[in-house]
Amino acid sequence: MNEEMVKVKKNGKLIAFSEGWQYWLLDGVIYSIRSDGSSICFWCSVERLGAHLHRLFQVTKKKFFTENEDMTVIDRTFLSQFSYA
């Protein structure tokens, strides 16, 4: 596990997980982390999350977090502020 991953997991908040990925919130950024600890990615800023989720909905015809049968949402309160979550 690299330093950035440790920082995110230690100080961030897990919002959801699915299919080998965990989605963490820290300092206004959503990070995606492989469940096996092999990689971490800057997924989206909270500021742009509404637009990002809307685009994913246009492409997949599903709400990324709540209409994915493999997704487990941990922080429903946080995600409820985004209509395409």
PDB file of N, CA and C in Angstrom:
ATOM      1  N   MET A   1       0.849  -1.172   0.000  1.00  0.00           N
ATOM      2  CA  MET A   1       0.000   0.000   0.000  1.00  0.00           C
ATOM      3  C   MET A   1       0.896   1.237   0.000  1.00  0.00           C
ATOM      4  N   ASN A   2       0.600   2.178  -0.910  1.00  0.00           N
ATOM      5  CA  ASN A   2       1.429   3.375  -0.954  1.00  0.00           C
ATOM      6  C   ASN A   2       0.978   4.417   0.069  1.00  0.00           C
ATOM      7  N   GLU A   3       1.779   5.450   0.210  1.00  0.00           N
ATOM      8  CA  GLU A   3       1.548   6.491   1.209  1.00  0.00           C
ATOM      9  C   GLU A   3       0.208   7.201   1.025  1.00  0.00           C
ATOM     10  N   GLU A   4      -0.117   7.524  -0.225  1.00  0.00           N
ATOM     11  CA  GLU A   4      -1.374   8.215  -0.506  1.00  0.00           C
ATOM     12  C   GLU A   4      -2.576   7.357  -0.116  1.00  0.00           C
ATOM     13  N   MET A   5      -2.501   6.081  -0.403  1.00  0.00           N
ATOM     14  CA  MET A   5      -3.588   5.162  -0.061  1.00  0.00           C
ATOM     15  C   MET A   5      -3.774   5.083   1.452  1.00  0.00           C
ATOM     16  N   VAL A   6      -2.696   5.007   2.171  1.00  0.00           N
ATOM     17  CA  VAL A   6      -2.764   4.957   3.632  1.00  0.00           C
ATOM     18  C   VAL A   6      -3.410   6.227   4.164  1.00  0.00           C
ATOM     19  N   LYS A   7      -3.012   7.385   3.612  1.00  0.00           N
ATOM     20  CA  LYS A   7      -3.575   8.675   4.036  1.00  0.00           C
ATOM     21  C   LYS A   7      -5.084   8.706   3.797  1.00  0.00           C
ATOM     22  N   VAL A   8      -5.523   8.288   2.614  1.00  0.00           N
ATOM     23  CA  VAL A   8      -6.947   8.312   2.284  1.00  0.00           C
ATOM     24  C   VAL A   8      -7.726   7.371   3.197  1.00  0.00           C
ATOM     25  N   LYS A   9      -7.231   6.167   3.404  1.00  0.00           N
ATOM     26  CA  LYS A   9      -7.951   5.198   4.237  1.00  0.00           C
ATOM     27  C   LYS A   9      -7.936   5.586   5.716  1.00  0.00           C
ATOM     28  N   LYS A  10      -6.883   6.225   6.142  1.00  0.00           N
ATOM     29  CA  LYS A  10      -6.773   6.619   7.549  1.00  0.00           C
ATOM     30  C   LYS A  10      -7.629   7.844   7.862  1.00  0.00           C
ATOM     31  N   ASN A  11      -7.672   8.804   6.932  1.00  0.00           N
ATOM     32  CA  ASN A  11      -8.323  10.084   7.200  1.00  0.00           C
ATOM     33  C   ASN A  11      -9.642  10.299   6.454  1.00  0.00           C
ATOM     34  N   GLY A  12      -9.901   9.467   5.444  1.00  0.00           N
ATOM     35  CA  GLY A  12     -11.092   9.649   4.631  1.00  0.00           C
ATOM     36  C   GLY A  12     -12.287   8.885   5.154  1.00  0.00           C
ATOM     37  N   LYS A  13     -13.341   8.948   4.363  1.00  0.00           N
ATOM     38  CA  LYS A  13     -14.588   8.281   4.723  1.00  0.00           C
ATOM     39  C   LYS A  13     -14.999   7.381   3.563  1.00  0.00           C
ATOM     40  N   LEU A  14     -15.206   6.104   3.843  1.00  0.00           N
ATOM     41  CA  LEU A  14     -15.660   5.159   2.841  1.00  0.00           C
ATOM     42  C   LEU A  14     -17.113   5.487   2.503  1.00  0.00           C
ATOM     43  N   ILE A  15     -17.408   5.708   1.197  1.00  0.00           N
ATOM     44  CA  ILE A  15     -18.789   6.016   0.826  1.00  0.00           C
ATOM     45  C   ILE A  15     -19.486   4.850   0.128  1.00  0.00           C
ATOM     46  N   ALA A  16     -18.702   3.980  -0.536  1.00  0.00           N
ATOM     47  CA  ALA A  16     -19.306   2.825  -1.217  1.00  0.00           C
ATOM     48  C   ALA A  16     -18.210   1.866  -1.666  1.00  0.00           C
ATOM     49  N   PHE A  17     -18.636   0.634  -1.985  1.00  0.00           N
ATOM     50  CA  PHE A  17     -17.699  -0.313  -2.594  1.00  0.00           C
ATOM     51  C   PHE A  17     -18.444  -1.238  -3.538  1.00  0.00           C
ATOM     52  N   SER A  18     -17.711  -1.720  -4.553  1.00  0.00           N
ATOM     53  CA  SER A  18     -18.306  -2.570  -5.571  1.00  0.00           C
ATOM     54  C   SER A  18     -17.235  -3.236  -6.408  1.00  0.00           C
ATOM     55  N   GLU A  19     -17.462  -4.482  -6.779  1.00  0.00           N
ATOM     56  CA  GLU A  19     -16.649  -5.193  -7.762  1.00  0.00           C
ATOM     57  C   GLU A  19     -15.146  -4.921  -7.664  1.00  0.00           C
ATOM     58  N   GLY A  20     -14.594  -5.013  -6.493  1.00  0.00           N
ATOM     59  CA  GLY A  20     -13.156  -4.837  -6.325  1.00  0.00           C
ATOM     60  C   GLY A  20     -12.698  -3.408  -6.146  1.00  0.00           C
ATOM     61  N   TRP A  21     -13.616  -2.458  -6.059  1.00  0.00           N
ATOM     62  CA  TRP A  21     -13.261  -1.051  -5.865  1.00  0.00           C
ATOM     63  C   TRP A  21     -13.913  -0.504  -4.612  1.00  0.00           C
ATOM     64  N   GLN A  22     -13.205   0.411  -3.949  1.00  0.00           N
ATOM     65  CA  GLN A  22     -13.739   1.147  -2.809  1.00  0.00           C
ATOM     66  C   GLN A  22     -13.722   2.620  -3.194  1.00  0.00           C
ATOM     67  N   TYR A  23     -14.743   3.368  -2.805  1.00  0.00           N
ATOM     68  CA  TYR A  23     -14.837   4.800  -3.105  1.00  0.00           C
ATOM     69  C   TYR A  23     -14.753   5.564  -1.792  1.00  0.00           C
ATOM     70  N   TRP A  24     -13.708   6.375  -1.681  1.00  0.00           N
ATOM     71  CA  TRP A  24     -13.400   7.110  -0.455  1.00  0.00           C
ATOM     72  C   TRP A  24     -13.481   8.605  -0.697  1.00  0.00           C
ATOM     73  N   LEU A  25     -13.958   9.332   0.313  1.00  0.00           N
ATOM     74  CA  LEU A  25     -14.047  10.786   0.270  1.00  0.00           C
ATOM     75  C   LEU A  25     -13.016  11.374   1.228  1.00  0.00           C
ATOM     76  N   LEU A  26     -12.196  12.281   0.705  1.00  0.00           N
ATOM     77  CA  LEU A  26     -11.224  12.984   1.545  1.00  0.00           C
ATOM     78  C   LEU A  26     -10.947  14.348   0.933  1.00  0.00           C
ATOM     79  N   ASP A  27     -11.116  15.385   1.721  1.00  0.00           N
ATOM     80  CA  ASP A  27     -10.784  16.755   1.320  1.00  0.00           C
ATOM     81  C   ASP A  27     -11.400  17.164  -0.015  1.00  0.00           C
ATOM     82  N   GLY A  28     -12.679  16.833  -0.204  1.00  0.00           N
ATOM     83  CA  GLY A  28     -13.384  17.249  -1.405  1.00  0.00           C
ATOM     84  C   GLY A  28     -13.061  16.446  -2.648  1.00  0.00           C
ATOM     85  N   VAL A  29     -12.454  15.285  -2.479  1.00  0.00           N
ATOM     86  CA  VAL A  29     -12.082  14.427  -3.598  1.00  0.00           C
ATOM     87  C   VAL A  29     -12.594  13.011  -3.337  1.00  0.00           C
ATOM     88  N   ILE A  30     -13.142  12.390  -4.387  1.00  0.00           N
ATOM     89  CA  ILE A  30     -13.506  10.978  -4.320  1.00  0.00           C
ATOM     90  C   ILE A  30     -12.351  10.193  -4.936  1.00  0.00           C
ATOM     91  N   TYR A  31     -11.849   9.234  -4.203  1.00  0.00           N
ATOM     92  CA  TYR A  31     -10.775   8.356  -4.675  1.00  0.00           C
ATOM     93  C   TYR A  31     -11.355   6.965  -4.881  1.00  0.00           C
ATOM     94  N   SER A  32     -10.895   6.276  -5.905  1.00  0.00           N
ATOM     95  CA  SER A  32     -11.239   4.867  -6.058  1.00  0.00           C
ATOM     96  C   SER A  32      -9.979   4.069  -5.744  1.00  0.00           C
ATOM     97  N   ILE A  33     -10.149   3.083  -4.897  1.00  0.00           N
ATOM     98  CA  ILE A  33      -9.030   2.256  -4.446  1.00  0.00           C
ATOM     99  C   ILE A  33      -9.378   0.796  -4.712  1.00  0.00           C
ATOM    100  N   ARG A  34      -8.488   0.079  -5.355  1.00  0.00           N
ATOM    101  CA  ARG A  34      -8.689  -1.360  -5.570  1.00  0.00           C
ATOM    102  C   ARG A  34      -8.762  -2.037  -4.203  1.00  0.00           C
ATOM    103  N   SER A  35      -9.691  -2.913  -4.047  1.00  0.00           N
ATOM    104  CA  SER A  35      -9.868  -3.608  -2.765  1.00  0.00           C
ATOM    105  C   SER A  35      -8.641  -4.406  -2.353  1.00  0.00           C
ATOM    106  N   ASP A  36      -7.857  -4.842  -3.338  1.00  0.00           N
ATOM    107  CA  ASP A  36      -6.643  -5.593  -3.012  1.00  0.00           C
ATOM    108  C   ASP A  36      -5.455  -4.688  -2.700  1.00  0.00           C
ATOM    109  N   GLY A  37      -5.674  -3.362  -2.736  1.00  0.00           N
ATOM    110  CA  GLY A  37      -4.611  -2.419  -2.402  1.00  0.00           C
ATOM    111  C   GLY A  37      -3.600  -2.190  -3.510  1.00  0.00           C
ATOM    112  N   SER A  38      -3.891  -2.643  -4.716  1.00  0.00           N
ATOM    113  CA  SER A  38      -2.915  -2.533  -5.803  1.00  0.00           C
ATOM    114  C   SER A  38      -2.866  -1.166  -6.465  1.00  0.00           C
ATOM    115  N   SER A  39      -3.931  -0.356  -6.332  1.00  0.00           N
ATOM    116  CA  SER A  39      -3.893   0.968  -6.952  1.00  0.00           C
ATOM    117  C   SER A  39      -4.894   1.920  -6.320  1.00  0.00           C
ATOM    118  N   ILE A  40      -4.617   3.201  -6.501  1.00  0.00           N
ATOM    119  CA  ILE A  40      -5.495   4.274  -6.051  1.00  0.00           C
ATOM    120  C   ILE A  40      -5.591   5.273  -7.198  1.00  0.00           C
ATOM    121  N   CYS A  41      -6.800   5.816  -7.400  1.00  0.00           N
ATOM    122  CA  CYS A  41      -7.023   6.781  -8.470  1.00  0.00           C
ATOM    123  C   CYS A  41      -7.820   7.967  -7.941  1.00  0.00           C
ATOM    124  N   PHE A  42      -7.507   9.134  -8.462  1.00  0.00           N
ATOM    125  CA  PHE A  42      -8.344  10.308  -8.268  1.00  0.00           C
ATOM    126  C   PHE A  42      -9.567  10.065  -9.140  1.00  0.00           C
ATOM    127  N   TRP A  43     -10.749   9.864  -8.551  1.00  0.00           N
ATOM    128  CA  TRP A  43     -11.930   9.513  -9.332  1.00  0.00           C
ATOM    129  C   TRP A  43     -12.676  10.757  -9.778  1.00  0.00           C
ATOM    130  N   CYS A  44     -12.928  11.692  -8.842  1.00  0.00           N
ATOM    131  CA  CYS A  44     -13.648  12.912  -9.184  1.00  0.00           C
ATOM    132  C   CYS A  44     -13.652  13.858  -7.985  1.00  0.00           C
ATOM    133  N   SER A  45     -13.635  15.156  -8.267  1.00  0.00           N
ATOM    134  CA  SER A  45     -13.801  16.111  -7.167  1.00  0.00           C
ATOM    135  C   SER A  45     -15.285  16.172  -6.811  1.00  0.00           C
ATOM    136  N   VAL A  46     -15.592  16.473  -5.579  1.00  0.00           N
ATOM    137  CA  VAL A  46     -16.982  16.589  -5.150  1.00  0.00           C
ATOM    138  C   VAL A  46     -17.650  17.714  -5.937  1.00  0.00           C
ATOM    139  N   GLU A  47     -16.903  18.740  -6.230  1.00  0.00           N
ATOM    140  CA  GLU A  47     -17.411  19.876  -6.998  1.00  0.00           C
ATOM    141  C   GLU A  47     -17.947  19.447  -8.370  1.00  0.00           C
ATOM    142  N   ARG A  48     -17.347  18.469  -8.987  1.00  0.00           N
ATOM    143  CA  ARG A  48     -17.731  18.002 -10.324  1.00  0.00           C
ATOM    144  C   ARG A  48     -18.507  16.682 -10.302  1.00  0.00           C
ATOM    145  N   LEU A  49     -18.762  16.154  -9.110  1.00  0.00           N
ATOM    146  CA  LEU A  49     -19.378  14.836  -9.003  1.00  0.00           C
ATOM    147  C   LEU A  49     -20.768  14.784  -9.624  1.00  0.00           C
ATOM    148  N   GLY A  50     -21.575  15.810  -9.446  1.00  0.00           N
ATOM    149  CA  GLY A  50     -22.915  15.823 -10.039  1.00  0.00           C
ATOM    150  C   GLY A  50     -22.862  15.653 -11.550  1.00  0.00           C
ATOM    151  N   ALA A  51     -21.983  16.400 -12.217  1.00  0.00           N
ATOM    152  CA  ALA A  51     -21.836  16.303 -13.673  1.00  0.00           C
ATOM    153  C   ALA A  51     -21.257  14.949 -14.081  1.00  0.00           C
ATOM    154  N   HIS A  52     -20.303  14.462 -13.309  1.00  0.00           N
ATOM    155  CA  HIS A  52     -19.679  13.162 -13.596  1.00  0.00           C
ATOM    156  C   HIS A  52     -20.726  12.042 -13.528  1.00  0.00           C
ATOM    157  N   LEU A  53     -21.536  12.056 -12.486  1.00  0.00           N
ATOM    158  CA  LEU A  53     -22.563  11.032 -12.325  1.00  0.00           C
ATOM    159  C   LEU A  53     -23.642  11.146 -13.405  1.00  0.00           C
ATOM    160  N   HIS A  54     -23.981  12.364 -13.790  1.00  0.00           N
ATOM    161  CA  HIS A  54     -24.958  12.559 -14.860  1.00  0.00           C
ATOM    162  C   HIS A  54     -24.437  11.964 -16.163  1.00  0.00           C
ATOM    163  N   ARG A  55     -23.160  12.202 -16.474  1.00  0.00           N
ATOM    164  CA  ARG A  55     -22.575  11.646 -17.699  1.00  0.00           C
ATOM    165  C   ARG A  55     -22.550  10.115 -17.652  1.00  0.00           C
ATOM    166  N   LEU A  56     -22.190   9.551 -16.510  1.00  0.00           N
ATOM    167  CA  LEU A  56     -22.210   8.092 -16.375  1.00  0.00           C
ATOM    168  C   LEU A  56     -23.622   7.541 -16.589  1.00  0.00           C
ATOM    169  N   PHE A  57     -24.636   8.268 -16.098  1.00  0.00           N
ATOM    170  CA  PHE A  57     -26.023   7.859 -16.296  1.00  0.00           C
ATOM    171  C   PHE A  57     -26.385   7.880 -17.782  1.00  0.00           C
ATOM    172  N   GLN A  58     -25.940   8.915 -18.498  1.00  0.00           N
ATOM    173  CA  GLN A  58     -26.208   8.997 -19.932  1.00  0.00           C
ATOM    174  C   GLN A  58     -25.601   7.815 -20.678  1.00  0.00           C
ATOM    175  N   VAL A  59     -24.412   7.410 -20.274  1.00  0.00           N
ATOM    176  CA  VAL A  59     -23.709   6.322 -20.950  1.00  0.00           C
ATOM    177  C   VAL A  59     -24.271   4.957 -20.570  1.00  0.00           C
ATOM    178  N   THR A  60     -24.512   4.741 -19.281  1.00  0.00           N
ATOM    179  CA  THR A  60     -24.896   3.413 -18.796  1.00  0.00           C
ATOM    180  C   THR A  60     -26.398   3.225 -18.604  1.00  0.00           C
ATOM    181  N   LYS A  61     -27.141   4.335 -18.556  1.00  0.00           N
ATOM    182  CA  LYS A  61     -28.593   4.308 -18.277  1.00  0.00           C
ATOM    183  C   LYS A  61     -28.894   3.801 -16.875  1.00  0.00           C
ATOM    184  N   LYS A  62     -27.904   3.885 -15.993  1.00  0.00           N
ATOM    185  CA  LYS A  62     -28.074   3.512 -14.585  1.00  0.00           C
ATOM    186  C   LYS A  62     -27.428   4.572 -13.705  1.00  0.00           C
ATOM    187  N   LYS A  63     -27.993   4.761 -12.526  1.00  0.00           N
ATOM    188  CA  LYS A  63     -27.336   5.607 -11.535  1.00  0.00           C
ATOM    189  C   LYS A  63     -26.149   4.819 -10.993  1.00  0.00           C
ATOM    190  N   PHE A  64     -24.984   5.443 -11.009  1.00  0.00           N
ATOM    191  CA  PHE A  64     -23.735   4.737 -10.746  1.00  0.00           C
ATOM    192  C   PHE A  64     -23.733   3.995  -9.410  1.00  0.00           C
ATOM    193  N   PHE A  65     -24.163   4.632  -8.339  1.00  0.00           N
ATOM    194  CA  PHE A  65     -24.105   4.007  -7.024  1.00  0.00           C
ATOM    195  C   PHE A  65     -25.380   3.236  -6.678  1.00  0.00           C
ATOM    196  N   THR A  66     -26.535   3.850  -6.865  1.00  0.00           N
ATOM    197  CA  THR A  66     -27.762   3.264  -6.325  1.00  0.00           C
ATOM    198  C   THR A  66     -28.463   2.272  -7.248  1.00  0.00           C
ATOM    199  N   GLU A  67     -28.136   2.249  -8.538  1.00  0.00           N
ATOM    200  CA  GLU A  67     -28.782   1.296  -9.437  1.00  0.00           C
ATOM    201  C   GLU A  67     -27.822   0.212  -9.916  1.00  0.00           C
ATOM    202  N   ASN A  68     -26.713   0.084  -9.254  1.00  0.00           N
ATOM    203  CA  ASN A  68     -25.738  -0.959  -9.570  1.00  0.00           C
ATOM    204  C   ASN A  68     -25.930  -2.066  -8.530  1.00  0.00           C
ATOM    205  N   GLU A  69     -26.406  -3.220  -8.983  1.00  0.00           N
ATOM    206  CA  GLU A  69     -26.714  -4.306  -8.040  1.00  0.00           C
ATOM    207  C   GLU A  69     -25.486  -4.827  -7.295  1.00  0.00           C
ATOM    208  N   ASP A  70     -24.295  -4.553  -7.803  1.00  0.00           N
ATOM    209  CA  ASP A  70     -23.065  -4.995  -7.131  1.00  0.00           C
ATOM    210  C   ASP A  70     -22.508  -3.953  -6.161  1.00  0.00           C
ATOM    211  N   MET A  71     -23.129  -2.779  -6.115  1.00  0.00           N
ATOM    212  CA  MET A  71     -22.633  -1.682  -5.286  1.00  0.00           C
ATOM    213  C   MET A  71     -23.243  -1.748  -3.890  1.00  0.00           C
ATOM    214  N   THR A  72     -22.420  -1.509  -2.890  1.00  0.00           N
ATOM    215  CA  THR A  72     -22.896  -1.357  -1.520  1.00  0.00           C
ATOM    216  C   THR A  72     -22.610   0.081  -1.105  1.00  0.00           C
ATOM    217  N   VAL A  73     -23.655   0.832  -0.857  1.00  0.00           N
ATOM    218  CA  VAL A  73     -23.516   2.235  -0.466  1.00  0.00           C
ATOM    219  C   VAL A  73     -23.395   2.297   1.052  1.00  0.00           C
ATOM    220  N   ILE A  74     -22.355   2.939   1.515  1.00  0.00           N
ATOM    221  CA  ILE A  74     -22.117   3.097   2.948  1.00  0.00           C
ATOM    222  C   ILE A  74     -22.683   4.428   3.438  1.00  0.00           C
ATOM    223  N   ASP A  75     -22.415   5.505   2.684  1.00  0.00           N
ATOM    224  CA  ASP A  75     -22.837   6.847   3.097  1.00  0.00           C
ATOM    225  C   ASP A  75     -23.970   7.359   2.208  1.00  0.00           C
ATOM    226  N   ARG A  76     -25.176   6.920   2.502  1.00  0.00           N
ATOM    227  CA  ARG A  76     -26.351   7.341   1.727  1.00  0.00           C
ATOM    228  C   ARG A  76     -26.624   8.826   1.886  1.00  0.00           C
ATOM    229  N   THR A  77     -26.329   9.395   3.034  1.00  0.00           N
ATOM    230  CA  THR A  77     -26.561  10.817   3.265  1.00  0.00           C
ATOM    231  C   THR A  77     -25.719  11.650   2.306  1.00  0.00           C
ATOM    232  N   PHE A  78     -24.443  11.331   2.175  1.00  0.00           N
ATOM    233  CA  PHE A  78     -23.574  12.066   1.260  1.00  0.00           C
ATOM    234  C   PHE A  78     -24.080  11.931  -0.177  1.00  0.00           C
ATOM    235  N   LEU A  79     -24.384  10.713  -0.614  1.00  0.00           N
ATOM    236  CA  LEU A  79     -24.775  10.492  -2.003  1.00  0.00           C
ATOM    237  C   LEU A  79     -26.155  11.032  -2.327  1.00  0.00           C
ATOM    238  N   SER A  80     -27.021  11.222  -1.322  1.00  0.00           N
ATOM    239  CA  SER A  80     -28.372  11.693  -1.574  1.00  0.00           C
ATOM    240  C   SER A  80     -28.405  13.111  -2.139  1.00  0.00           C
ATOM    241  N   GLN A  81     -27.320  13.848  -2.021  1.00  0.00           N
ATOM    242  CA  GLN A  81     -27.298  15.214  -2.562  1.00  0.00           C
ATOM    243  C   GLN A  81     -27.063  15.236  -4.077  1.00  0.00           C
ATOM    244  N   PHE A  82     -26.810  14.074  -4.682  1.00  0.00           N
ATOM    245  CA  PHE A  82     -26.550  13.973  -6.117  1.00  0.00           C
ATOM    246  C   PHE A  82     -27.666  13.163  -6.765  1.00  0.00           C
ATOM    247  N   SER A  83     -28.422  13.781  -7.652  1.00  0.00           N
ATOM    248  CA  SER A  83     -29.600  13.124  -8.225  1.00  0.00           C
ATOM    249  C   SER A  83     -29.252  11.908  -9.076  1.00  0.00           C
ATOM    250  N   TYR A  84     -28.039  11.829  -9.619  1.00  0.00           N
ATOM    251  CA  TYR A  84     -27.676  10.677 -10.449  1.00  0.00           C
ATOM    252  C   TYR A  84     -26.758   9.688  -9.730  1.00  0.00           C
ATOM    253  N   ALA A  85     -26.719   9.767  -8.399  1.00  0.00           N
ATOM    254  CA  ALA A  85     -25.886   8.866  -7.627  1.00  0.00           C
ATOM    255  C   ALA A  85     -26.520   7.487  -7.596  1.00  0.00           C
TER     256      ALA A  85
END
